[in-house]
Amino acid sequence: MANHLRFLGRTVMVQKGNVEAAYGALNRILAQDGLADAVRRQRYYEKPCRRRQRLAYEACRRVYNAEMGRKIAFLGRCSRQDPWVGC
């Protein structure tokens, strides 16, 4: 059972013979894990300069998404002070 636990997160059950829905669910799980992108990247050789560019782009994207999420969370708070009092 210990060997099967690592595959538990990527296991999709086919219900009532509906293979297409199970295949779509599996693709969503693999896309969220980033496994499909990793396999696609490993299909061809990635030059070192392209790898550095990709990693820098991914780091910038992570920072941007974190900042944007922080700003959206701040704007969504109900208990914050009104910046335009009296307008």
N, C-alpha and C. Protein backbone atom coordinates (compact mmCIF):
# COMPACT_ATOMS: atom_id res chain seq x y z
N MET A 1 0.82 -1.20 0.00
CA MET A 1 0.00 0.00 0.00
C MET A 1 0.86 1.25 0.00
N ALA A 2 2.05 1.19 0.59
CA ALA A 2 2.91 2.37 0.67
C ALA A 2 3.33 2.83 -0.72
N ASN A 3 3.55 1.90 -1.64
CA ASN A 3 3.93 2.27 -2.99
C ASN A 3 2.79 2.95 -3.73
N HIS A 4 1.57 2.66 -3.37
CA HIS A 4 0.42 3.23 -4.08
C HIS A 4 0.02 4.61 -3.54
N LEU A 5 0.47 4.99 -2.36
CA LEU A 5 0.08 6.26 -1.78
C LEU A 5 0.58 7.45 -2.59
N ARG A 6 1.75 7.33 -3.22
CA ARG A 6 2.25 8.47 -3.97
C ARG A 6 1.47 8.70 -5.25
N PHE A 7 0.74 7.70 -5.73
CA PHE A 7 -0.08 7.88 -6.92
C PHE A 7 -1.52 8.25 -6.58
N LEU A 8 -1.85 8.33 -5.31
CA LEU A 8 -3.22 8.58 -4.90
C LEU A 8 -3.71 9.95 -5.36
N GLY A 9 -2.85 10.95 -5.36
CA GLY A 9 -3.25 12.30 -5.77
C GLY A 9 -3.53 12.40 -7.25
N ARG A 10 -2.98 11.49 -8.05
CA ARG A 10 -3.18 11.54 -9.50
C ARG A 10 -4.08 10.41 -9.99
N THR A 11 -4.85 9.85 -9.10
CA THR A 11 -5.75 8.77 -9.47
C THR A 11 -7.12 9.32 -9.81
N VAL A 12 -7.65 8.89 -10.95
CA VAL A 12 -8.97 9.33 -11.38
C VAL A 12 -9.81 8.09 -11.62
N MET A 13 -10.98 8.05 -11.03
CA MET A 13 -11.88 6.92 -11.19
C MET A 13 -12.81 7.17 -12.38
N VAL A 14 -12.99 6.14 -13.21
CA VAL A 14 -13.91 6.22 -14.34
C VAL A 14 -15.27 5.79 -13.83
N GLN A 15 -16.25 6.67 -13.93
CA GLN A 15 -17.58 6.38 -13.42
C GLN A 15 -18.54 6.16 -14.58
N LYS A 16 -19.24 5.05 -14.55
CA LYS A 16 -20.25 4.70 -15.53
C LYS A 16 -19.70 4.69 -16.95
N GLY A 17 -18.44 4.28 -17.09
CA GLY A 17 -17.84 4.17 -18.42
C GLY A 17 -17.55 5.49 -19.09
N ASN A 18 -17.59 6.59 -18.37
CA ASN A 18 -17.36 7.92 -18.94
C ASN A 18 -15.85 8.21 -18.92
N VAL A 19 -15.17 7.71 -19.95
CA VAL A 19 -13.72 7.84 -20.01
C VAL A 19 -13.31 9.27 -20.34
N GLU A 20 -14.10 9.97 -21.15
CA GLU A 20 -13.74 11.32 -21.56
C GLU A 20 -13.68 12.27 -20.36
N ALA A 21 -14.65 12.16 -19.47
CA ALA A 21 -14.66 13.02 -18.29
C ALA A 21 -13.48 12.69 -17.38
N ALA A 22 -13.16 11.42 -17.23
CA ALA A 22 -12.03 11.02 -16.40
C ALA A 22 -10.72 11.52 -17.02
N TYR A 23 -10.61 11.46 -18.35
CA TYR A 23 -9.42 11.93 -19.03
C TYR A 23 -9.26 13.44 -18.85
N GLY A 24 -10.35 14.18 -18.92
CA GLY A 24 -10.31 15.62 -18.69
C GLY A 24 -9.89 15.95 -17.28
N ALA A 25 -10.41 15.19 -16.31
CA ALA A 25 -10.05 15.42 -14.90
C ALA A 25 -8.57 15.13 -14.68
N LEU A 26 -8.07 14.06 -15.31
CA LEU A 26 -6.65 13.72 -15.17
C LEU A 26 -5.77 14.80 -15.80
N ASN A 27 -6.17 15.32 -16.95
CA ASN A 27 -5.41 16.39 -17.58
C ASN A 27 -5.38 17.64 -16.71
N ARG A 28 -6.50 17.96 -16.06
CA ARG A 28 -6.52 19.11 -15.16
C ARG A 28 -5.57 18.90 -13.98
N ILE A 29 -5.58 17.71 -13.41
CA ILE A 29 -4.70 17.41 -12.27
C ILE A 29 -3.24 17.54 -12.69
N LEU A 30 -2.89 16.97 -13.86
CA LEU A 30 -1.51 17.03 -14.32
C LEU A 30 -1.09 18.44 -14.68
N ALA A 31 -2.02 19.24 -15.21
CA ALA A 31 -1.70 20.63 -15.53
C ALA A 31 -1.46 21.44 -14.26
N GLN A 32 -2.24 21.18 -13.22
CA GLN A 32 -2.05 21.90 -11.95
C GLN A 32 -0.72 21.52 -11.30
N ASP A 33 -0.31 20.26 -11.45
CA ASP A 33 0.97 19.82 -10.90
C ASP A 33 2.15 20.34 -11.72
N GLY A 34 1.90 20.77 -12.96
CA GLY A 34 2.97 21.23 -13.83
C GLY A 34 3.70 20.09 -14.51
N LEU A 35 3.15 18.90 -14.42
CA LEU A 35 3.81 17.74 -14.99
C LEU A 35 3.75 17.75 -16.51
N ALA A 36 2.64 18.20 -17.07
CA ALA A 36 2.50 18.22 -18.53
C ALA A 36 3.49 19.20 -19.14
N ASP A 37 3.69 20.36 -18.50
CA ASP A 37 4.65 21.34 -19.01
C ASP A 37 6.07 20.81 -18.92
N ALA A 38 6.38 20.10 -17.85
CA ALA A 38 7.73 19.55 -17.68
C ALA A 38 8.01 18.51 -18.76
N VAL A 39 7.03 17.67 -19.05
CA VAL A 39 7.21 16.65 -20.09
C VAL A 39 7.37 17.32 -21.44
N ARG A 40 6.58 18.36 -21.71
CA ARG A 40 6.67 19.08 -22.98
C ARG A 40 8.03 19.76 -23.12
N ARG A 41 8.56 20.30 -22.01
CA ARG A 41 9.87 20.95 -22.06
C ARG A 41 10.98 19.95 -22.30
N GLN A 42 10.86 18.75 -21.74
CA GLN A 42 11.92 17.76 -21.87
C GLN A 42 11.91 17.06 -23.22
N ARG A 43 10.93 17.33 -24.04
CA ARG A 43 10.85 16.69 -25.35
C ARG A 43 12.02 17.11 -26.23
N TYR A 44 12.43 18.37 -26.12
CA TYR A 44 13.54 18.89 -26.91
C TYR A 44 14.58 19.49 -25.96
N TYR A 45 15.79 19.64 -26.47
CA TYR A 45 16.85 20.24 -25.67
C TYR A 45 16.58 21.72 -25.50
N GLU A 46 16.75 22.20 -24.29
CA GLU A 46 16.58 23.61 -24.01
C GLU A 46 17.95 24.22 -23.77
N LYS A 47 18.29 25.20 -24.60
CA LYS A 47 19.60 25.83 -24.47
C LYS A 47 19.70 26.53 -23.11
N PRO A 48 20.91 26.62 -22.57
CA PRO A 48 21.06 27.24 -21.25
C PRO A 48 20.56 28.68 -21.19
N CYS A 49 20.78 29.47 -22.26
CA CYS A 49 20.31 30.86 -22.21
C CYS A 49 18.78 30.90 -22.23
N ARG A 50 18.13 30.02 -22.98
CA ARG A 50 16.67 29.96 -22.99
C ARG A 50 16.13 29.49 -21.64
N ARG A 51 16.86 28.58 -21.00
CA ARG A 51 16.45 28.10 -19.68
C ARG A 51 16.50 29.24 -18.66
N ARG A 52 17.59 30.04 -18.70
CA ARG A 52 17.70 31.18 -17.80
C ARG A 52 16.60 32.20 -18.06
N GLN A 53 16.30 32.43 -19.34
CA GLN A 53 15.22 33.37 -19.68
C GLN A 53 13.88 32.87 -19.15
N ARG A 54 13.62 31.57 -19.33
CA ARG A 54 12.35 31.00 -18.87
C ARG A 54 12.23 31.07 -17.36
N LEU A 55 13.31 30.74 -16.65
CA LEU A 55 13.28 30.78 -15.19
C LEU A 55 13.10 32.20 -14.68
N ALA A 56 13.75 33.17 -15.33
CA ALA A 56 13.59 34.57 -14.93
C ALA A 56 12.16 35.03 -15.17
N TYR A 57 11.59 34.63 -16.31
CA TYR A 57 10.21 34.99 -16.63
C TYR A 57 9.25 34.39 -15.61
N GLU A 58 9.45 33.12 -15.25
CA GLU A 58 8.58 32.46 -14.28
C GLU A 58 8.71 33.13 -12.91
N ALA A 59 9.91 33.55 -12.54
CA ALA A 59 10.09 34.23 -11.25
C ALA A 59 9.37 35.57 -11.25
N CYS A 60 9.49 36.32 -12.35
CA CYS A 60 8.78 37.61 -12.46
C CYS A 60 7.28 37.41 -12.40
N ARG A 61 6.81 36.36 -13.06
CA ARG A 61 5.37 36.08 -13.06
C ARG A 61 4.88 35.73 -11.67
N ARG A 62 5.67 34.96 -10.92
CA ARG A 62 5.29 34.61 -9.55
C ARG A 62 5.20 35.86 -8.68
N VAL A 63 6.18 36.76 -8.83
CA VAL A 63 6.18 38.00 -8.04
C VAL A 63 4.97 38.85 -8.41
N TYR A 64 4.72 39.00 -9.71
CA TYR A 64 3.59 39.80 -10.16
C TYR A 64 2.27 39.23 -9.64
N ASN A 65 2.10 37.90 -9.76
CA ASN A 65 0.85 37.29 -9.31
C ASN A 65 0.68 37.41 -7.80
N ALA A 66 1.77 37.30 -7.05
CA ALA A 66 1.68 37.45 -5.60
C ALA A 66 1.29 38.88 -5.23
N GLU A 67 1.92 39.86 -5.88
CA GLU A 67 1.59 41.26 -5.61
C GLU A 67 0.16 41.58 -6.00
N MET A 68 -0.27 41.09 -7.14
CA MET A 68 -1.64 41.35 -7.59
C MET A 68 -2.64 40.69 -6.64
N GLY A 69 -2.35 39.49 -6.18
CA GLY A 69 -3.22 38.85 -5.21
C GLY A 69 -3.29 39.60 -3.90
N ARG A 70 -2.14 40.16 -3.48
CA ARG A 70 -2.10 40.95 -2.25
C ARG A 70 -2.93 42.22 -2.41
N LYS A 71 -2.84 42.87 -3.57
CA LYS A 71 -3.61 44.10 -3.79
C LYS A 71 -5.10 43.81 -3.87
N ILE A 72 -5.46 42.71 -4.53
CA ILE A 72 -6.88 42.35 -4.64
C ILE A 72 -7.44 42.01 -3.26
N ALA A 73 -6.64 41.30 -2.45
CA ALA A 73 -7.09 40.97 -1.10
C ALA A 73 -7.26 42.24 -0.27
N PHE A 74 -6.36 43.21 -0.45
CA PHE A 74 -6.48 44.46 0.28
C PHE A 74 -7.75 45.20 -0.12
N LEU A 75 -8.03 45.26 -1.41
CA LEU A 75 -9.23 45.96 -1.87
C LEU A 75 -10.50 45.24 -1.48
N GLY A 76 -10.42 43.95 -1.29
CA GLY A 76 -11.60 43.17 -0.93
C GLY A 76 -11.94 43.23 0.55
N ARG A 77 -11.02 43.76 1.36
CA ARG A 77 -11.30 43.84 2.80
C ARG A 77 -12.39 44.88 3.06
N CYS A 78 -13.29 44.55 3.91
CA CYS A 78 -14.38 45.47 4.25
C CYS A 78 -14.01 46.40 5.40
N SER A 79 -13.04 46.03 6.21
CA SER A 79 -12.74 46.80 7.41
C SER A 79 -11.69 47.88 7.18
N ARG A 80 -11.27 48.11 5.93
CA ARG A 80 -10.22 49.11 5.69
C ARG A 80 -10.84 50.51 5.73
N GLN A 81 -10.01 51.50 6.00
CA GLN A 81 -10.48 52.87 6.10
C GLN A 81 -10.77 53.43 4.72
N ASP A 82 -11.74 54.33 4.64
CA ASP A 82 -12.09 54.97 3.38
C ASP A 82 -11.01 56.00 3.05
N PRO A 83 -10.31 55.88 1.92
CA PRO A 83 -9.26 56.85 1.61
C PRO A 83 -9.81 58.21 1.20
N TRP A 84 -11.06 58.29 0.78
CA TRP A 84 -11.66 59.55 0.35
C TRP A 84 -12.83 59.92 1.27
N VAL A 85 -12.50 60.33 2.47
CA VAL A 85 -13.52 60.68 3.46
C VAL A 85 -14.16 62.00 3.04
N GLY A 86 -15.47 62.05 3.00
CA GLY A 86 -16.19 63.26 2.69
C GLY A 86 -16.45 63.48 1.22
N CYS A 87 -16.06 62.57 0.36
CA CYS A 87 -16.30 62.74 -1.07
C CYS A 87 -17.59 62.09 -1.50
